[in-house]
């Protein structure tokens, strides 16, 4: 929102929510439980399709179970974000109302950026949440088109994908021969642009 030049958080959020009936997550920006709950209650009233996005911990690493429990018990839809482990998923599940909609966003891409395999954590989170009909696991911070295939294969319900990667996903299905030819054509274009000669 800041990058898009938004000046007023609530007004900008309302504009987004008014142009789609798809679920939209609007994040709290407080760092303490009391103010997260207060902001969450305000955000929840913006529209029927809004999910209140709450970090699993605050900046001090304190688990925000109190926030999750308070908002969820009021049937407020939540997107619990910045999740990295199935242990965190387990703690989240202990604090939710089984009737309110919950998304648990697991940051697969950022995990992979540090050399850690995100699949075991997501698979275990999916297993833990299977008996909760109101809970969906989201593959967050997608880094490459193949992540879409991975998320689909393990049964992830949601994946967030930036536009550039969506464009690449739309090209799925090319044969290896076509990939080779297209790559060599790209080399040829670059060579002509460089005007190199030997």
Protein backbone atom coordinates (compact mmCIF):
# COMPACT_ATOMS: atom_id res chain seq x y z
CA UNK A 1 0.00 0.00 0.00
CA UNK A 2 2.83 2.36 0.88
CA UNK A 3 4.52 1.64 -2.46
CA UNK A 4 1.21 2.32 -4.22
CA UNK A 5 1.10 5.75 -2.58
CA UNK A 6 -1.76 5.11 -0.12
CA UNK A 7 -2.20 7.97 2.35
CA UNK A 8 -5.07 6.56 4.44
CA UNK A 9 -5.01 2.87 5.37
CA UNK A 10 -8.74 2.42 5.97
CA UNK A 11 -9.86 4.37 2.88
CA UNK A 12 -7.41 2.52 0.65
CA UNK A 13 -8.51 -0.84 2.09
CA UNK A 14 -12.18 0.03 1.46
CA UNK A 15 -11.38 0.86 -2.19
CA UNK A 16 -9.74 -2.55 -2.67
CA UNK A 17 -12.57 -4.40 -0.94
CA UNK A 18 -15.16 -2.61 -3.06
CA UNK A 19 -13.69 -3.76 -6.38
CA UNK A 20 -13.62 -7.49 -5.61
CA UNK A 21 -15.68 -10.09 -3.80
CA UNK A 22 -12.61 -12.30 -3.40
CA UNK A 23 -11.04 -12.62 0.07
CA UNK A 24 -8.68 -9.72 0.84
CA UNK A 25 -6.28 -9.69 3.80
CA UNK A 26 -5.71 -6.36 5.57
CA UNK A 27 -2.97 -6.43 8.18
CA UNK A 28 -2.84 -4.98 11.66
CA UNK A 29 0.30 -2.93 12.25
CA UNK A 30 0.41 -2.71 16.04
CA UNK A 31 3.11 -4.68 17.87
CA UNK A 32 1.25 -5.44 21.09
CA UNK A 33 -1.75 -7.70 21.73
CA UNK A 34 -4.13 -5.01 23.00
CA UNK A 35 -3.72 -2.75 19.96
CA UNK A 36 -3.68 -5.68 17.52
CA UNK A 37 -7.09 -6.73 18.88
CA UNK A 38 -8.39 -3.16 18.62
CA UNK A 39 -7.12 -2.76 15.04
CA UNK A 40 -8.41 -6.22 14.12
CA UNK A 41 -11.92 -5.31 15.26
CA UNK A 42 -11.84 -2.13 13.15
CA UNK A 43 -10.48 -3.91 10.05
CA UNK A 44 -13.04 -6.73 10.34
CA UNK A 45 -15.87 -4.24 9.81
CA UNK A 46 -14.54 -3.04 6.43
CA UNK A 47 -16.29 -5.73 4.39
CA UNK A 48 -17.62 -9.28 4.30
CA UNK A 49 -14.64 -10.41 2.23
CA UNK A 50 -11.97 -9.02 4.57
CA UNK A 51 -9.60 -11.24 6.52
CA UNK A 52 -7.72 -9.63 9.39
CA UNK A 53 -4.04 -10.40 8.89
CA UNK A 54 -2.24 -10.99 12.20
CA UNK A 55 1.42 -11.99 12.64
CA UNK A 56 1.97 -15.23 14.53
CA UNK A 57 4.34 -13.38 16.89
CA UNK A 58 5.13 -9.75 17.54
CA UNK A 59 8.56 -8.24 16.84
CA UNK A 60 9.83 -9.54 20.19
CA UNK A 61 8.98 -13.11 19.23
CA UNK A 62 6.00 -13.37 21.61
CA UNK A 63 3.27 -15.69 20.31
CA UNK A 64 0.08 -13.75 19.61
CA UNK A 65 -2.29 -16.49 20.78
CA UNK A 66 -4.25 -13.96 22.84
CA UNK A 67 -4.96 -11.93 19.68
CA UNK A 68 -5.85 -15.01 17.63
CA UNK A 69 -8.19 -16.28 20.35
CA UNK A 70 -9.88 -12.91 20.95
CA UNK A 71 -10.56 -12.15 17.28
CA UNK A 72 -11.42 -15.71 16.28
CA UNK A 73 -13.89 -16.07 19.18
CA UNK A 74 -15.78 -13.10 17.67
CA UNK A 75 -16.01 -15.04 14.35
CA UNK A 76 -13.58 -12.64 12.69
CA UNK A 77 -11.90 -14.18 9.64
CA UNK A 78 -8.13 -14.33 10.18
CA UNK A 79 -5.03 -14.70 8.05
CA UNK A 80 -2.25 -15.62 10.47
CA UNK A 81 0.98 -14.63 8.79
CA UNK A 82 4.78 -14.98 9.07
CA UNK A 83 4.42 -18.68 9.97
CA UNK A 84 7.46 -20.87 9.38
CA UNK A 85 6.94 -24.08 11.36
CA UNK A 86 4.33 -26.75 11.92
CA UNK A 87 4.91 -26.16 15.65
CA UNK A 88 3.55 -22.62 15.15
CA UNK A 89 0.61 -24.09 13.20
CA UNK A 90 -0.12 -26.43 16.13
CA UNK A 91 -0.16 -23.48 18.57
CA UNK A 92 -2.44 -21.47 16.25
CA UNK A 93 -4.92 -24.36 16.02
CA UNK A 94 -5.15 -24.48 19.83
CA UNK A 95 -6.33 -20.86 19.88
CA UNK A 96 -8.97 -20.70 17.16
CA UNK A 97 -12.72 -20.89 17.16
CA UNK A 98 -13.60 -23.90 14.99
CA UNK A 99 -16.39 -21.94 13.29
CA UNK A 100 -14.44 -18.87 12.12
CA UNK A 101 -12.51 -18.95 8.84
CA UNK A 102 -8.74 -19.12 9.27
CA UNK A 103 -5.88 -18.92 6.78
CA UNK A 104 -2.40 -19.90 7.98
CA UNK A 105 0.25 -18.31 5.74
CA UNK A 106 3.49 -20.30 5.67
CA UNK A 107 6.41 -18.41 4.16
CA UNK A 108 7.81 -21.15 1.94
CA UNK A 109 9.89 -18.89 -0.31
CA UNK A 110 11.65 -17.11 2.52
CA UNK A 111 12.36 -20.49 4.12
CA UNK A 112 13.91 -21.73 0.88
CA UNK A 113 15.95 -18.49 0.62
CA UNK A 114 17.77 -19.55 3.81
CA UNK A 115 18.51 -23.04 2.49
CA UNK A 116 15.63 -24.75 4.34
CA UNK A 117 13.17 -27.09 2.63
CA UNK A 118 9.65 -25.71 3.23
CA UNK A 119 7.83 -28.91 2.20
CA UNK A 120 8.13 -30.83 5.50
CA UNK A 121 6.73 -27.87 7.48
CA UNK A 122 3.84 -27.31 5.07
CA UNK A 123 3.00 -31.02 4.80
CA UNK A 124 2.89 -31.37 8.59
CA UNK A 125 0.80 -28.19 8.89
CA UNK A 126 -1.64 -29.62 6.34
CA UNK A 127 -1.82 -32.86 8.34
CA UNK A 128 -2.44 -31.01 11.62
CA UNK A 129 -5.16 -28.81 10.13
CA UNK A 130 -6.96 -31.58 8.21
CA UNK A 131 -9.66 -32.03 10.87
CA UNK A 132 -10.39 -28.29 10.92
CA UNK A 133 -12.84 -27.61 8.09
CA UNK A 134 -12.48 -23.85 8.66
CA UNK A 135 -8.68 -23.75 8.20
CA UNK A 136 -6.75 -23.32 4.95
CA UNK A 137 -2.98 -23.44 4.51
CA UNK A 138 -1.47 -20.77 2.26
CA UNK A 139 1.90 -21.14 0.48
CA UNK A 140 3.35 -17.64 0.84
CA UNK A 141 6.36 -15.83 -0.68
CA UNK A 142 6.36 -17.78 -3.95
CA UNK A 143 9.73 -17.56 -5.68
CA UNK A 144 9.33 -19.54 -8.90
CA UNK A 145 6.56 -21.01 -11.08
CA UNK A 146 7.37 -24.57 -9.98
CA UNK A 147 6.25 -23.61 -6.44
CA UNK A 148 2.70 -23.61 -7.83
CA UNK A 149 3.12 -27.28 -8.85
CA UNK A 150 4.61 -28.14 -5.46
CA UNK A 151 1.79 -26.43 -3.55
CA UNK A 152 -0.84 -28.14 -5.70
CA UNK A 153 0.79 -31.57 -5.34
CA UNK A 154 0.85 -31.51 -1.53
CA UNK A 155 -2.72 -30.19 -1.27
CA UNK A 156 -2.10 -26.59 -0.23
CA UNK A 157 -5.43 -24.77 -0.50
CA UNK A 158 -4.05 -21.33 -1.41
CA UNK A 159 -0.88 -19.91 -2.94
CA UNK A 160 -0.02 -16.24 -3.36
CA UNK A 161 1.69 -15.59 -6.68
CA UNK A 162 3.10 -12.29 -8.03
CA UNK A 163 2.08 -11.23 -11.59
CA UNK A 164 5.47 -12.03 -13.17
CA UNK A 165 5.27 -15.63 -11.97
CA UNK A 166 1.64 -15.95 -13.09
CA UNK A 167 2.80 -14.99 -16.60
CA UNK A 168 5.36 -17.80 -16.49
CA UNK A 169 2.79 -20.31 -15.18
CA UNK A 170 0.63 -19.48 -18.21
CA UNK A 171 3.46 -20.81 -20.38
CA UNK A 172 3.46 -24.24 -18.70
CA UNK A 173 3.44 -27.19 -21.08
CA UNK A 174 6.30 -26.23 -23.41
CA UNK A 175 8.31 -29.23 -24.61
CA UNK A 176 12.05 -29.44 -23.91
CA UNK A 177 12.68 -29.04 -27.65
CA UNK A 178 10.63 -25.80 -27.72
CA UNK A 179 12.47 -24.55 -24.59
CA UNK A 180 15.82 -25.24 -26.28
CA UNK A 181 14.83 -23.45 -29.51
CA UNK A 182 13.34 -20.45 -27.66
CA UNK A 183 16.48 -20.17 -25.50
CA UNK A 184 18.80 -20.22 -28.52
CA UNK A 185 16.60 -17.64 -30.30
CA UNK A 186 16.97 -15.43 -27.20
CA UNK A 187 20.77 -15.83 -27.37
CA UNK A 188 20.66 -14.80 -31.04
CA UNK A 189 18.60 -11.66 -30.29
CA UNK A 190 21.08 -10.68 -27.54
CA UNK A 191 24.03 -11.27 -29.88
CA UNK A 192 22.54 -9.01 -32.57
CA UNK A 193 21.80 -6.27 -30.03
CA UNK A 194 25.38 -6.37 -28.72
CA UNK A 195 26.80 -5.91 -32.26
CA UNK A 196 29.81 -8.03 -31.27
CA UNK A 197 32.10 -9.42 -33.94
CA UNK A 198 35.11 -11.73 -33.99
